[in-house]
């Protein structure tokens, strides 16, 4: 089953946003600075999540194609 790239990336970016917000708040940074850092981190996580999900989907599709090819070859013999 293939991954939905958009929902995976959004979930990852939301988790990253809140994690970075909490870390920045813990270190006593101003709320504006926390927000900027968390937003930049969330954008980076979104891009990384999109790329990662696409790579995983490509691997899964390749495995499905290989499996079907082997199945067809087995049926020919």
PDB file of N, CA and C in Angstrom:
ATOM      1  N   UNK A   1       0.836  -1.170   0.000  1.00  0.00           N
ATOM      2  CA  UNK A   1       0.000   0.000   0.000  1.00  0.00           C
ATOM      3  C   UNK A   1       0.886   1.240   0.000  1.00  0.00           C
ATOM      4  N   UNK A   2       0.574   2.164  -0.871  1.00  0.00           N
ATOM      5  CA  UNK A   2       1.385   3.362  -1.014  1.00  0.00           C
ATOM      6  C   UNK A   2       1.034   4.405   0.043  1.00  0.00           C
ATOM      7  N   UNK A   3       2.014   5.235   0.350  1.00  0.00           N
ATOM      8  CA  UNK A   3       1.821   6.302   1.322  1.00  0.00           C
ATOM      9  C   UNK A   3       1.197   7.524   0.654  1.00  0.00           C
ATOM     10  N   UNK A   4       0.344   8.213   1.376  1.00  0.00           N
ATOM     11  CA  UNK A   4      -0.179   9.485   0.906  1.00  0.00           C
ATOM     12  C   UNK A   4       0.870  10.533   1.268  1.00  0.00           C
ATOM     13  N   UNK A   5       1.570  11.062   0.278  1.00  0.00           N
ATOM     14  CA  UNK A   5       2.722  11.923   0.543  1.00  0.00           C
ATOM     15  C   UNK A   5       2.328  13.211   1.254  1.00  0.00           C
ATOM     16  N   UNK A   6       1.217  13.805   0.875  1.00  0.00           N
ATOM     17  CA  UNK A   6       0.845  15.085   1.465  1.00  0.00           C
ATOM     18  C   UNK A   6       0.479  14.943   2.941  1.00  0.00           C
ATOM     19  N   UNK A   7      -0.354  13.979   3.278  1.00  0.00           N
ATOM     20  CA  UNK A   7      -0.757  13.837   4.678  1.00  0.00           C
ATOM     21  C   UNK A   7       0.419  13.419   5.556  1.00  0.00           C
ATOM     22  N   UNK A   8       1.302  12.600   5.018  1.00  0.00           N
ATOM     23  CA  UNK A   8       2.488  12.194   5.774  1.00  0.00           C
ATOM     24  C   UNK A   8       3.375  13.399   6.056  1.00  0.00           C
ATOM     25  N   UNK A   9       3.594  14.220   5.042  1.00  0.00           N
ATOM     26  CA  UNK A   9       4.451  15.396   5.208  1.00  0.00           C
ATOM     27  C   UNK A   9       3.819  16.416   6.149  1.00  0.00           C
ATOM     28  N   UNK A  10       2.517  16.603   6.073  1.00  0.00           N
ATOM     29  CA  UNK A  10       1.844  17.556   6.956  1.00  0.00           C
ATOM     30  C   UNK A  10       1.902  17.084   8.404  1.00  0.00           C
ATOM     31  N   UNK A  11       1.672  15.808   8.636  1.00  0.00           N
ATOM     32  CA  UNK A  11       1.755  15.277   9.998  1.00  0.00           C
ATOM     33  C   UNK A  11       3.149  15.467  10.581  1.00  0.00           C
ATOM     34  N   UNK A  12       4.149  15.182   9.777  1.00  0.00           N
ATOM     35  CA  UNK A  12       5.530  15.348  10.225  1.00  0.00           C
ATOM     36  C   UNK A  12       5.843  16.811  10.518  1.00  0.00           C
ATOM     37  N   UNK A  13       5.376  17.708   9.672  1.00  0.00           N
ATOM     38  CA  UNK A  13       5.672  19.128   9.879  1.00  0.00           C
ATOM     39  C   UNK A  13       4.951  19.688  11.102  1.00  0.00           C
ATOM     40  N   UNK A  14       3.729  19.241  11.370  1.00  0.00           N
ATOM     41  CA  UNK A  14       3.014  19.708  12.562  1.00  0.00           C
ATOM     42  C   UNK A  14       3.723  19.236  13.830  1.00  0.00           C
ATOM     43  N   UNK A  15       4.130  17.974  13.847  1.00  0.00           N
ATOM     44  CA  UNK A  15       4.867  17.466  15.011  1.00  0.00           C
ATOM     45  C   UNK A  15       6.179  18.223  15.210  1.00  0.00           C
ATOM     46  N   UNK A  16       6.867  18.512  14.122  1.00  0.00           N
ATOM     47  CA  UNK A  16       8.127  19.249  14.198  1.00  0.00           C
ATOM     48  C   UNK A  16       7.897  20.664  14.701  1.00  0.00           C
ATOM     49  N   UNK A  17       6.834  21.307  14.226  1.00  0.00           N
ATOM     50  CA  UNK A  17       6.525  22.670  14.661  1.00  0.00           C
ATOM     51  C   UNK A  17       6.350  22.733  16.176  1.00  0.00           C
ATOM     52  N   UNK A  18       5.521  21.843  16.713  1.00  0.00           N
ATOM     53  CA  UNK A  18       5.273  21.883  18.147  1.00  0.00           C
ATOM     54  C   UNK A  18       6.496  21.455  18.952  1.00  0.00           C
ATOM     55  N   UNK A  19       7.244  20.502  18.453  1.00  0.00           N
ATOM     56  CA  UNK A  19       8.450  20.071  19.164  1.00  0.00           C
ATOM     57  C   UNK A  19       9.466  21.215  19.233  1.00  0.00           C
ATOM     58  N   UNK A  20       9.675  21.893  18.115  1.00  0.00           N
ATOM     59  CA  UNK A  20      10.614  23.015  18.119  1.00  0.00           C
ATOM     60  C   UNK A  20      10.104  24.179  18.960  1.00  0.00           C
ATOM     61  N   UNK A  21       8.805  24.401  18.959  1.00  0.00           N
ATOM     62  CA  UNK A  21       8.240  25.463  19.798  1.00  0.00           C
ATOM     63  C   UNK A  21       8.506  25.196  21.267  1.00  0.00           C
ATOM     64  N   UNK A  22       8.291  23.955  21.676  1.00  0.00           N
ATOM     65  CA  UNK A  22       8.509  23.605  23.081  1.00  0.00           C
ATOM     66  C   UNK A  22       9.980  23.709  23.455  1.00  0.00           C
ATOM     67  N   UNK A  23      10.859  23.256  22.568  1.00  0.00           N
ATOM     68  CA  UNK A  23      12.297  23.326  22.846  1.00  0.00           C
ATOM     69  C   UNK A  23      12.748  24.781  22.963  1.00  0.00           C
ATOM     70  N   UNK A  24      12.313  25.626  22.031  1.00  0.00           N
ATOM     71  CA  UNK A  24      12.689  27.044  22.089  1.00  0.00           C
ATOM     72  C   UNK A  24      12.139  27.705  23.347  1.00  0.00           C
ATOM     73  N   UNK A  25      10.906  27.383  23.710  1.00  0.00           N
ATOM     74  CA  UNK A  25      10.302  27.949  24.914  1.00  0.00           C
ATOM     75  C   UNK A  25      11.069  27.495  26.153  1.00  0.00           C
ATOM     76  N   UNK A  26      11.489  26.234  26.155  1.00  0.00           N
ATOM     77  CA  UNK A  26      12.230  25.675  27.278  1.00  0.00           C
ATOM     78  C   UNK A  26      13.539  26.430  27.510  1.00  0.00           C
ATOM     79  N   UNK A  27      14.178  26.858  26.411  1.00  0.00           N
ATOM     80  CA  UNK A  27      15.435  27.589  26.517  1.00  0.00           C
ATOM     81  C   UNK A  27      15.232  29.079  26.752  1.00  0.00           C
ATOM     82  N   UNK A  28      13.999  29.529  26.904  1.00  0.00           N
ATOM     83  CA  UNK A  28      13.720  30.904  27.294  1.00  0.00           C
ATOM     84  C   UNK A  28      13.770  31.920  26.171  1.00  0.00           C
ATOM     85  N   UNK A  29      13.603  31.490  24.942  1.00  0.00           N
ATOM     86  CA  UNK A  29      13.593  32.429  23.824  1.00  0.00           C
ATOM     87  C   UNK A  29      12.255  33.160  23.770  1.00  0.00           C
ATOM     88  N   UNK A  30      12.252  34.284  23.097  1.00  0.00           N
ATOM     89  CA  UNK A  30      11.012  35.061  22.988  1.00  0.00           C
ATOM     90  C   UNK A  30      10.009  34.296  22.118  1.00  0.00           C
ATOM     91  N   UNK A  31       8.718  34.552  22.316  1.00  0.00           N
ATOM     92  CA  UNK A  31       7.705  33.847  21.526  1.00  0.00           C
ATOM     93  C   UNK A  31       7.858  34.056  20.012  1.00  0.00           C
ATOM     94  N   UNK A  32       8.254  35.272  19.609  1.00  0.00           N
ATOM     95  CA  UNK A  32       8.431  35.533  18.178  1.00  0.00           C
ATOM     96  C   UNK A  32       9.567  34.690  17.608  1.00  0.00           C
ATOM     97  N   UNK A  33      10.654  34.599  18.346  1.00  0.00           N
ATOM     98  CA  UNK A  33      11.794  33.784  17.903  1.00  0.00           C
ATOM     99  C   UNK A  33      11.414  32.308  17.860  1.00  0.00           C
ATOM    100  N   UNK A  34      10.673  31.860  18.862  1.00  0.00           N
ATOM    101  CA  UNK A  34      10.212  30.462  18.882  1.00  0.00           C
ATOM    102  C   UNK A  34       9.367  30.165  17.650  1.00  0.00           C
ATOM    103  N   UNK A  35       8.475  31.093  17.332  1.00  0.00           N
ATOM    104  CA  UNK A  35       7.578  30.899  16.187  1.00  0.00           C
ATOM    105  C   UNK A  35       8.363  30.845  14.886  1.00  0.00           C
ATOM    106  N   UNK A  36       9.327  31.760  14.712  1.00  0.00           N
ATOM    107  CA  UNK A  36      10.126  31.766  13.478  1.00  0.00           C
ATOM    108  C   UNK A  36      10.906  30.470  13.326  1.00  0.00           C
ATOM    109  N   UNK A  37      11.571  30.058  14.390  1.00  0.00           N
ATOM    110  CA  UNK A  37      12.365  28.834  14.311  1.00  0.00           C
ATOM    111  C   UNK A  37      11.490  27.608  14.067  1.00  0.00           C
ATOM    112  N   UNK A  38      10.349  27.560  14.734  1.00  0.00           N
ATOM    113  CA  UNK A  38       9.442  26.428  14.559  1.00  0.00           C
ATOM    114  C   UNK A  38       8.857  26.403  13.153  1.00  0.00           C
ATOM    115  N   UNK A  39       8.541  27.567  12.594  1.00  0.00           N
ATOM    116  CA  UNK A  39       7.992  27.631  11.246  1.00  0.00           C
ATOM    117  C   UNK A  39       9.020  27.187  10.207  1.00  0.00           C
ATOM    118  N   UNK A  40      10.251  27.647  10.352  1.00  0.00           N
ATOM    119  CA  UNK A  40      11.306  27.229   9.423  1.00  0.00           C
ATOM    120  C   UNK A  40      11.553  25.727   9.543  1.00  0.00           C
ATOM    121  N   UNK A  41      11.571  25.213  10.764  1.00  0.00           N
ATOM    122  CA  UNK A  41      11.755  23.781  10.968  1.00  0.00           C
ATOM    123  C   UNK A  41      10.611  22.965  10.385  1.00  0.00           C
ATOM    124  N   UNK A  42       9.384  23.481  10.527  1.00  0.00           N
ATOM    125  CA  UNK A  42       8.221  22.779   9.974  1.00  0.00           C
ATOM    126  C   UNK A  42       8.272  22.753   8.447  1.00  0.00           C
ATOM    127  N   UNK A  43       8.696  23.849   7.840  1.00  0.00           N
ATOM    128  CA  UNK A  43       8.818  23.868   6.376  1.00  0.00           C
ATOM    129  C   UNK A  43       9.870  22.872   5.902  1.00  0.00           C
ATOM    130  N   UNK A  44      10.989  22.824   6.599  1.00  0.00           N
ATOM    131  CA  UNK A  44      12.033  21.852   6.244  1.00  0.00           C
ATOM    132  C   UNK A  44      11.529  20.420   6.431  1.00  0.00           C
ATOM    133  N   UNK A  45      10.785  20.178   7.510  1.00  0.00           N
ATOM    134  CA  UNK A  45      10.241  18.848   7.757  1.00  0.00           C
ATOM    135  C   UNK A  45       9.209  18.476   6.697  1.00  0.00           C
ATOM    136  N   UNK A  46       8.428  19.454   6.227  1.00  0.00           N
ATOM    137  CA  UNK A  46       7.439  19.183   5.180  1.00  0.00           C
ATOM    138  C   UNK A  46       8.132  18.745   3.890  1.00  0.00           C
ATOM    139  N   UNK A  47       9.168  19.472   3.506  1.00  0.00           N
ATOM    140  CA  UNK A  47       9.904  19.111   2.288  1.00  0.00           C
ATOM    141  C   UNK A  47      10.560  17.743   2.442  1.00  0.00           C
ATOM    142  N   UNK A  48      11.179  17.506   3.596  1.00  0.00           N
ATOM    143  CA  UNK A  48      11.821  16.206   3.840  1.00  0.00           C
ATOM    144  C   UNK A  48      10.788  15.082   3.863  1.00  0.00           C
ATOM    145  N   UNK A  49       9.625  15.347   4.430  1.00  0.00           N
ATOM    146  CA  UNK A  49       8.561  14.339   4.460  1.00  0.00           C
ATOM    147  C   UNK A  49       8.043  14.015   3.070  1.00  0.00           C
ATOM    148  N   UNK A  50       7.895  15.037   2.232  1.00  0.00           N
ATOM    149  CA  UNK A  50       7.458  14.813   0.849  1.00  0.00           C
ATOM    150  C   UNK A  50       8.477  13.952   0.102  1.00  0.00           C
ATOM    151  N   UNK A  51       9.730  14.325   0.217  1.00  0.00           N
ATOM    152  CA  UNK A  51      10.782  13.578  -0.489  1.00  0.00           C
ATOM    153  C   UNK A  51      10.877  12.148   0.042  1.00  0.00           C
ATOM    154  N   UNK A  52      10.840  12.001   1.363  1.00  0.00           N
ATOM    155  CA  UNK A  52      10.925  10.662   1.959  1.00  0.00           C
ATOM    156  C   UNK A  52       9.764   9.770   1.558  1.00  0.00           C
ATOM    157  N   UNK A  53       8.555  10.323   1.554  1.00  0.00           N
ATOM    158  CA  UNK A  53       7.383   9.530   1.166  1.00  0.00           C
ATOM    159  C   UNK A  53       7.454   9.139  -0.305  1.00  0.00           C
ATOM    160  N   UNK A  54       7.958  10.035  -1.142  1.00  0.00           N
ATOM    161  CA  UNK A  54       8.085   9.708  -2.567  1.00  0.00           C
ATOM    162  C   UNK A  54       9.123   8.615  -2.782  1.00  0.00           C
ATOM    163  N   UNK A  55      10.208   8.659  -2.029  1.00  0.00           N
ATOM    164  CA  UNK A  55      11.228   7.616  -2.146  1.00  0.00           C
ATOM    165  C   UNK A  55      10.658   6.265  -1.699  1.00  0.00           C
ATOM    166  N   UNK A  56       9.948   6.258  -0.582  1.00  0.00           N
ATOM    167  CA  UNK A  56       9.347   5.011  -0.097  1.00  0.00           C
ATOM    168  C   UNK A  56       8.334   4.472  -1.099  1.00  0.00           C
ATOM    169  N   UNK A  57       7.526   5.363  -1.690  1.00  0.00           N
ATOM    170  CA  UNK A  57       6.552   4.940  -2.703  1.00  0.00           C
ATOM    171  C   UNK A  57       7.247   4.351  -3.922  1.00  0.00           C
ATOM    172  N   UNK A  58       8.358   4.953  -4.340  1.00  0.00           N
ATOM    173  CA  UNK A  58       9.094   4.417  -5.485  1.00  0.00           C
ATOM    174  C   UNK A  58       9.631   3.022  -5.188  1.00  0.00           C
ATOM    175  N   UNK A  59      10.122   2.814  -3.980  1.00  0.00           N
ATOM    176  CA  UNK A  59      10.622   1.492  -3.587  1.00  0.00           C
ATOM    177  C   UNK A  59       9.483   0.474  -3.571  1.00  0.00           C
ATOM    178  N   UNK A  60       8.333   0.871  -3.014  1.00  0.00           N
ATOM    179  CA  UNK A  60       7.188  -0.040  -2.961  1.00  0.00           C
ATOM    180  C   UNK A  60       6.673  -0.384  -4.358  1.00  0.00           C
ATOM    181  N   UNK A  61       6.607   0.599  -5.242  1.00  0.00           N
ATOM    182  CA  UNK A  61       6.152   0.344  -6.610  1.00  0.00           C
ATOM    183  C   UNK A  61       7.116  -0.595  -7.323  1.00  0.00           C
ATOM    184  N   UNK A  62       8.413  -0.364  -7.133  1.00  0.00           N
ATOM    185  CA  UNK A  62       9.412  -1.235  -7.751  1.00  0.00           C
ATOM    186  C   UNK A  62       9.268  -2.667  -7.235  1.00  0.00           C
ATOM    187  N   UNK A  63       9.019  -2.825  -5.939  1.00  0.00           N
ATOM    188  CA  UNK A  63       8.848  -4.163  -5.377  1.00  0.00           C
ATOM    189  C   UNK A  63       7.596  -4.836  -5.930  1.00  0.00           C
ATOM    190  N   UNK A  64       6.502  -4.073  -6.091  1.00  0.00           N
ATOM    191  CA  UNK A  64       5.279  -4.644  -6.651  1.00  0.00           C
ATOM    192  C   UNK A  64       5.479  -5.087  -8.097  1.00  0.00           C
ATOM    193  N   UNK A  65       6.178  -4.274  -8.880  1.00  0.00           N
ATOM    194  CA  UNK A  65       6.424  -4.624 -10.280  1.00  0.00           C
ATOM    195  C   UNK A  65       7.292  -5.873 -10.370  1.00  0.00           C
ATOM    196  N   UNK A  66       8.330  -5.938  -9.546  1.00  0.00           N
ATOM    197  CA  UNK A  66       9.213  -7.106  -9.551  1.00  0.00           C
ATOM    198  C   UNK A  66       8.443  -8.361  -9.153  1.00  0.00           C
ATOM    199  N   UNK A  67       7.591  -8.232  -8.169  1.00  0.00           N
ATOM    200  CA  UNK A  67       6.792  -9.368  -7.723  1.00  0.00           C
ATOM    201  C   UNK A  67       5.879  -9.875  -8.839  1.00  0.00           C
ATOM    202  N   UNK A  68       5.225  -8.962  -9.529  1.00  0.00           N
ATOM    203  CA  UNK A  68       4.337  -9.355 -10.627  1.00  0.00           C
ATOM    204  C   UNK A  68       5.118  -9.978 -11.780  1.00  0.00           C
ATOM    205  N   UNK A  69       6.308  -9.437 -12.077  1.00  0.00           N
ATOM    206  CA  UNK A  69       7.128 -10.010 -13.147  1.00  0.00           C
ATOM    207  C   UNK A  69       7.538 -11.432 -12.798  1.00  0.00           C
ATOM    208  N   UNK A  70       7.931 -11.668 -11.545  1.00  0.00           N
ATOM    209  CA  UNK A  70       8.314 -13.009 -11.130  1.00  0.00           C
ATOM    210  C   UNK A  70       7.127 -13.947 -11.178  1.00  0.00           C
ATOM    211  N   UNK A  71       5.965 -13.452 -10.834  1.00  0.00           N
ATOM    212  CA  UNK A  71       4.741 -14.266 -10.880  1.00  0.00           C
ATOM    213  C   UNK A  71       4.409 -14.671 -12.314  1.00  0.00           C
ATOM    214  N   UNK A  72       4.579 -13.737 -13.246  1.00  0.00           N
ATOM    215  CA  UNK A  72       4.298 -14.032 -14.669  1.00  0.00           C
ATOM    216  C   UNK A  72       5.315 -15.022 -15.201  1.00  0.00           C
ATOM    217  N   UNK A  73       6.580 -14.853 -14.823  1.00  0.00           N
ATOM    218  CA  UNK A  73       7.620 -15.788 -15.267  1.00  0.00           C
ATOM    219  C   UNK A  73       7.367 -17.182 -14.707  1.00  0.00           C
ATOM    220  N   UNK A  74       6.904 -17.260 -13.472  1.00  0.00           N
ATOM    221  CA  UNK A  74       6.623 -18.547 -12.848  1.00  0.00           C
ATOM    222  C   UNK A  74       5.461 -19.236 -13.556  1.00  0.00           C
ATOM    223  N   UNK A  75       4.455 -18.473 -13.974  1.00  0.00           N
ATOM    224  CA  UNK A  75       3.300 -19.031 -14.668  1.00  0.00           C
ATOM    225  C   UNK A  75       3.662 -19.528 -16.066  1.00  0.00           C
ATOM    226  N   UNK A  76       4.665 -18.899 -16.702  1.00  0.00           N
ATOM    227  CA  UNK A  76       5.073 -19.327 -18.044  1.00  0.00           C
ATOM    228  C   UNK A  76       5.756 -20.685 -18.005  1.00  0.00           C
ATOM    229  N   UNK A  77       6.450 -20.967 -16.936  1.00  0.00           N
ATOM    230  CA  UNK A  77       7.221 -22.219 -16.851  1.00  0.00           C
ATOM    231  C   UNK A  77       6.343 -23.348 -16.505  1.00  0.00           C
TER     232      UNK A  77
END
